[in-house]
């Protein structure tokens, strides 16, 4: 799923790709990063699935940055997926975090000490 949006004068190209896995137990991780039992049940039923999110941010100054997020658990129901992705982006402040990173690493106006 690919789409574009503009937020605070920055263009965002958003690509959402479903991860392919053969065994849901591979998503468990180690004992410190285990998913809750209910989440694992939803994954095994096929109601939830892991996705990769690739966001390219671009401004008029030709500074383009690519941001990767992997292992995002979202619904597998395609009609609800876009709404759930929008909620995820809003709740996690993804676009605002990207703007902060862009500002921090911007080439202009230069370092803060200048």
C-alpha atoms as a PDB file:
ATOM      1  CA  UNK A   1       0.000   0.000   0.000  1.00  0.00           C
ATOM      2  CA  UNK A   2       1.479   3.315  -1.073  1.00  0.00           C
ATOM      3  CA  UNK A   3       0.190   6.826  -0.551  1.00  0.00           C
ATOM      4  CA  UNK A   4       1.382  10.395  -0.100  1.00  0.00           C
ATOM      5  CA  UNK A   5       0.477  13.182   2.268  1.00  0.00           C
ATOM      6  CA  UNK A   6       1.790  16.597   3.240  1.00  0.00           C
ATOM      7  CA  UNK A   7       2.328  17.671   6.839  1.00  0.00           C
ATOM      8  CA  UNK A   8       3.896  20.966   7.968  1.00  0.00           C
ATOM      9  CA  UNK A   9       5.221  21.726   4.467  1.00  0.00           C
ATOM     10  CA  UNK A  10       6.981  18.340   4.158  1.00  0.00           C
ATOM     11  CA  UNK A  11       5.831  15.731   1.647  1.00  0.00           C
ATOM     12  CA  UNK A  12       5.639  12.196   2.978  1.00  0.00           C
ATOM     13  CA  UNK A  13       5.580   9.125   0.749  1.00  0.00           C
ATOM     14  CA  UNK A  14       4.381   6.223   2.856  1.00  0.00           C
ATOM     15  CA  UNK A  15       4.756   2.585   1.895  1.00  0.00           C
ATOM     16  CA  UNK A  16       3.298  -0.221   3.992  1.00  0.00           C
ATOM     17  CA  UNK A  17       4.484  -3.773   3.301  1.00  0.00           C
ATOM     18  CA  UNK A  18       3.193  -6.899   4.978  1.00  0.00           C
ATOM     19  CA  UNK A  19       5.911  -9.115   6.425  1.00  0.00           C
ATOM     20  CA  UNK A  20       5.865 -12.727   5.322  1.00  0.00           C
ATOM     21  CA  UNK A  21       6.591 -15.377   7.933  1.00  0.00           C
ATOM     22  CA  UNK A  22       6.020 -19.101   8.085  1.00  0.00           C
ATOM     23  CA  UNK A  23       5.663 -19.574  11.820  1.00  0.00           C
ATOM     24  CA  UNK A  24       3.984 -17.094  14.179  1.00  0.00           C
ATOM     25  CA  UNK A  25       6.214 -18.286  17.034  1.00  0.00           C
ATOM     26  CA  UNK A  26       9.126 -16.525  15.309  1.00  0.00           C
ATOM     27  CA  UNK A  27       7.508 -13.239  16.363  1.00  0.00           C
ATOM     28  CA  UNK A  28       7.804 -14.109  20.043  1.00  0.00           C
ATOM     29  CA  UNK A  29      11.346 -12.802  20.484  1.00  0.00           C
ATOM     30  CA  UNK A  30      13.312 -13.479  23.635  1.00  0.00           C
ATOM     31  CA  UNK A  31      11.840 -13.715  27.118  1.00  0.00           C
ATOM     32  CA  UNK A  32      12.133  -9.939  27.614  1.00  0.00           C
ATOM     33  CA  UNK A  33      10.314  -9.017  24.408  1.00  0.00           C
ATOM     34  CA  UNK A  34       7.478 -11.520  24.342  1.00  0.00           C
ATOM     35  CA  UNK A  35       4.134 -10.539  22.956  1.00  0.00           C
ATOM     36  CA  UNK A  36       1.075 -10.844  25.211  1.00  0.00           C
ATOM     37  CA  UNK A  37      -0.886 -14.098  24.850  1.00  0.00           C
ATOM     38  CA  UNK A  38      -3.952 -12.348  23.403  1.00  0.00           C
ATOM     39  CA  UNK A  39      -1.798 -10.694  20.730  1.00  0.00           C
ATOM     40  CA  UNK A  40      -0.268 -14.044  19.771  1.00  0.00           C
ATOM     41  CA  UNK A  41      -3.760 -15.568  19.520  1.00  0.00           C
ATOM     42  CA  UNK A  42      -4.816 -12.740  17.168  1.00  0.00           C
ATOM     43  CA  UNK A  43      -1.695 -13.273  15.050  1.00  0.00           C
ATOM     44  CA  UNK A  44      -2.260 -17.033  14.826  1.00  0.00           C
ATOM     45  CA  UNK A  45      -5.906 -16.444  13.849  1.00  0.00           C
ATOM     46  CA  UNK A  46      -4.720 -14.059  11.154  1.00  0.00           C
ATOM     47  CA  UNK A  47      -6.462 -10.981  12.563  1.00  0.00           C
ATOM     48  CA  UNK A  48      -3.145  -9.188  13.216  1.00  0.00           C
ATOM     49  CA  UNK A  49      -0.012  -9.174  11.127  1.00  0.00           C
ATOM     50  CA  UNK A  50       3.430  -7.563  11.177  1.00  0.00           C
ATOM     51  CA  UNK A  51       4.133  -4.805   8.669  1.00  0.00           C
ATOM     52  CA  UNK A  52       7.125  -2.749   7.566  1.00  0.00           C
ATOM     53  CA  UNK A  53       6.608   0.969   7.203  1.00  0.00           C
ATOM     54  CA  UNK A  54       8.886   2.961   4.907  1.00  0.00           C
ATOM     55  CA  UNK A  55       8.440   6.730   4.953  1.00  0.00           C
ATOM     56  CA  UNK A  56      10.290   9.089   2.643  1.00  0.00           C
ATOM     57  CA  UNK A  57      10.172  12.736   3.695  1.00  0.00           C
ATOM     58  CA  UNK A  58      10.976  15.440   1.173  1.00  0.00           C
ATOM     59  CA  UNK A  59      10.982  19.220   1.254  1.00  0.00           C
ATOM     60  CA  UNK A  60      11.513  21.892  -1.386  1.00  0.00           C
ATOM     61  CA  UNK A  61      15.197  22.230  -0.458  1.00  0.00           C
ATOM     62  CA  UNK A  62      15.865  18.825  -2.039  1.00  0.00           C
ATOM     63  CA  UNK A  63      16.629  17.191   1.295  1.00  0.00           C
ATOM     64  CA  UNK A  64      15.122  13.709   1.154  1.00  0.00           C
ATOM     65  CA  UNK A  65      15.241  11.294   4.085  1.00  0.00           C
ATOM     66  CA  UNK A  66      14.047   7.704   4.311  1.00  0.00           C
ATOM     67  CA  UNK A  67      12.778   6.284   7.602  1.00  0.00           C
ATOM     68  CA  UNK A  68      12.188   2.574   8.321  1.00  0.00           C
ATOM     69  CA  UNK A  69       9.899   1.026  10.919  1.00  0.00           C
ATOM     70  CA  UNK A  70       9.580  -2.746  11.096  1.00  0.00           C
ATOM     71  CA  UNK A  71       7.446  -5.216  13.003  1.00  0.00           C
ATOM     72  CA  UNK A  72       4.414  -2.960  13.365  1.00  0.00           C
ATOM     73  CA  UNK A  73       1.379  -5.043  14.313  1.00  0.00           C
ATOM     74  CA  UNK A  74      -1.735  -3.949  12.455  1.00  0.00           C
ATOM     75  CA  UNK A  75      -4.987  -5.523  11.352  1.00  0.00           C
ATOM     76  CA  UNK A  76      -4.985  -7.794   8.315  1.00  0.00           C
ATOM     77  CA  UNK A  77      -8.450  -6.571   7.317  1.00  0.00           C
ATOM     78  CA  UNK A  78      -7.720  -4.346   4.314  1.00  0.00           C
ATOM     79  CA  UNK A  79     -10.780  -2.118   4.741  1.00  0.00           C
ATOM     80  CA  UNK A  80      -9.688  -1.181   8.300  1.00  0.00           C
ATOM     81  CA  UNK A  81      -5.949  -1.100   7.619  1.00  0.00           C
ATOM     82  CA  UNK A  82      -5.701   2.513   6.465  1.00  0.00           C
ATOM     83  CA  UNK A  83      -7.653   3.812   9.494  1.00  0.00           C
ATOM     84  CA  UNK A  84      -5.522   1.735  11.849  1.00  0.00           C
ATOM     85  CA  UNK A  85      -2.314   2.955  10.204  1.00  0.00           C
ATOM     86  CA  UNK A  86      -3.505   6.552  10.576  1.00  0.00           C
ATOM     87  CA  UNK A  87      -4.212   5.948  14.269  1.00  0.00           C
ATOM     88  CA  UNK A  88      -0.788   4.371  14.702  1.00  0.00           C
ATOM     89  CA  UNK A  89       0.982   7.318  13.039  1.00  0.00           C
ATOM     90  CA  UNK A  90      -0.949   9.762  15.228  1.00  0.00           C
ATOM     91  CA  UNK A  91      -0.595   7.894  18.547  1.00  0.00           C
ATOM     92  CA  UNK A  92       3.114   7.277  18.111  1.00  0.00           C
ATOM     93  CA  UNK A  93       3.772  10.821  16.800  1.00  0.00           C
ATOM     94  CA  UNK A  94       5.680   9.325  13.876  1.00  0.00           C
ATOM     95  CA  UNK A  95       5.448  12.339  11.566  1.00  0.00           C
ATOM     96  CA  UNK A  96       6.376  14.795  14.326  1.00  0.00           C
ATOM     97  CA  UNK A  97       9.343  12.611  15.289  1.00  0.00           C
ATOM     98  CA  UNK A  98      10.490  12.576  11.670  1.00  0.00           C
ATOM     99  CA  UNK A  99      10.232  16.372  11.547  1.00  0.00           C
ATOM    100  CA  UNK A 100      12.352  16.607  14.700  1.00  0.00           C
ATOM    101  CA  UNK A 101      14.983  14.322  13.178  1.00  0.00           C
ATOM    102  CA  UNK A 102      15.000  16.354   9.972  1.00  0.00           C
ATOM    103  CA  UNK A 103      15.477  19.560  11.960  1.00  0.00           C
ATOM    104  CA  UNK A 104      18.245  18.044  14.054  1.00  0.00           C
ATOM    105  CA  UNK A 105      20.207  16.840  11.041  1.00  0.00           C
ATOM    106  CA  UNK A 106      19.388  19.656   8.642  1.00  0.00           C
ATOM    107  CA  UNK A 107      22.249  21.174   6.721  1.00  0.00           C
ATOM    108  CA  UNK A 108      20.904  24.692   7.162  1.00  0.00           C
ATOM    109  CA  UNK A 109      21.074  26.877   9.227  1.00  0.00           C
ATOM    110  CA  UNK A 110      23.976  24.804  10.570  1.00  0.00           C
ATOM    111  CA  UNK A 111      24.987  23.598  14.007  1.00  0.00           C
ATOM    112  CA  UNK A 112      23.351  25.087  17.085  1.00  0.00           C
ATOM    113  CA  UNK A 113      26.707  26.392  18.383  1.00  0.00           C
ATOM    114  CA  UNK A 114      27.209  28.613  15.341  1.00  0.00           C
END
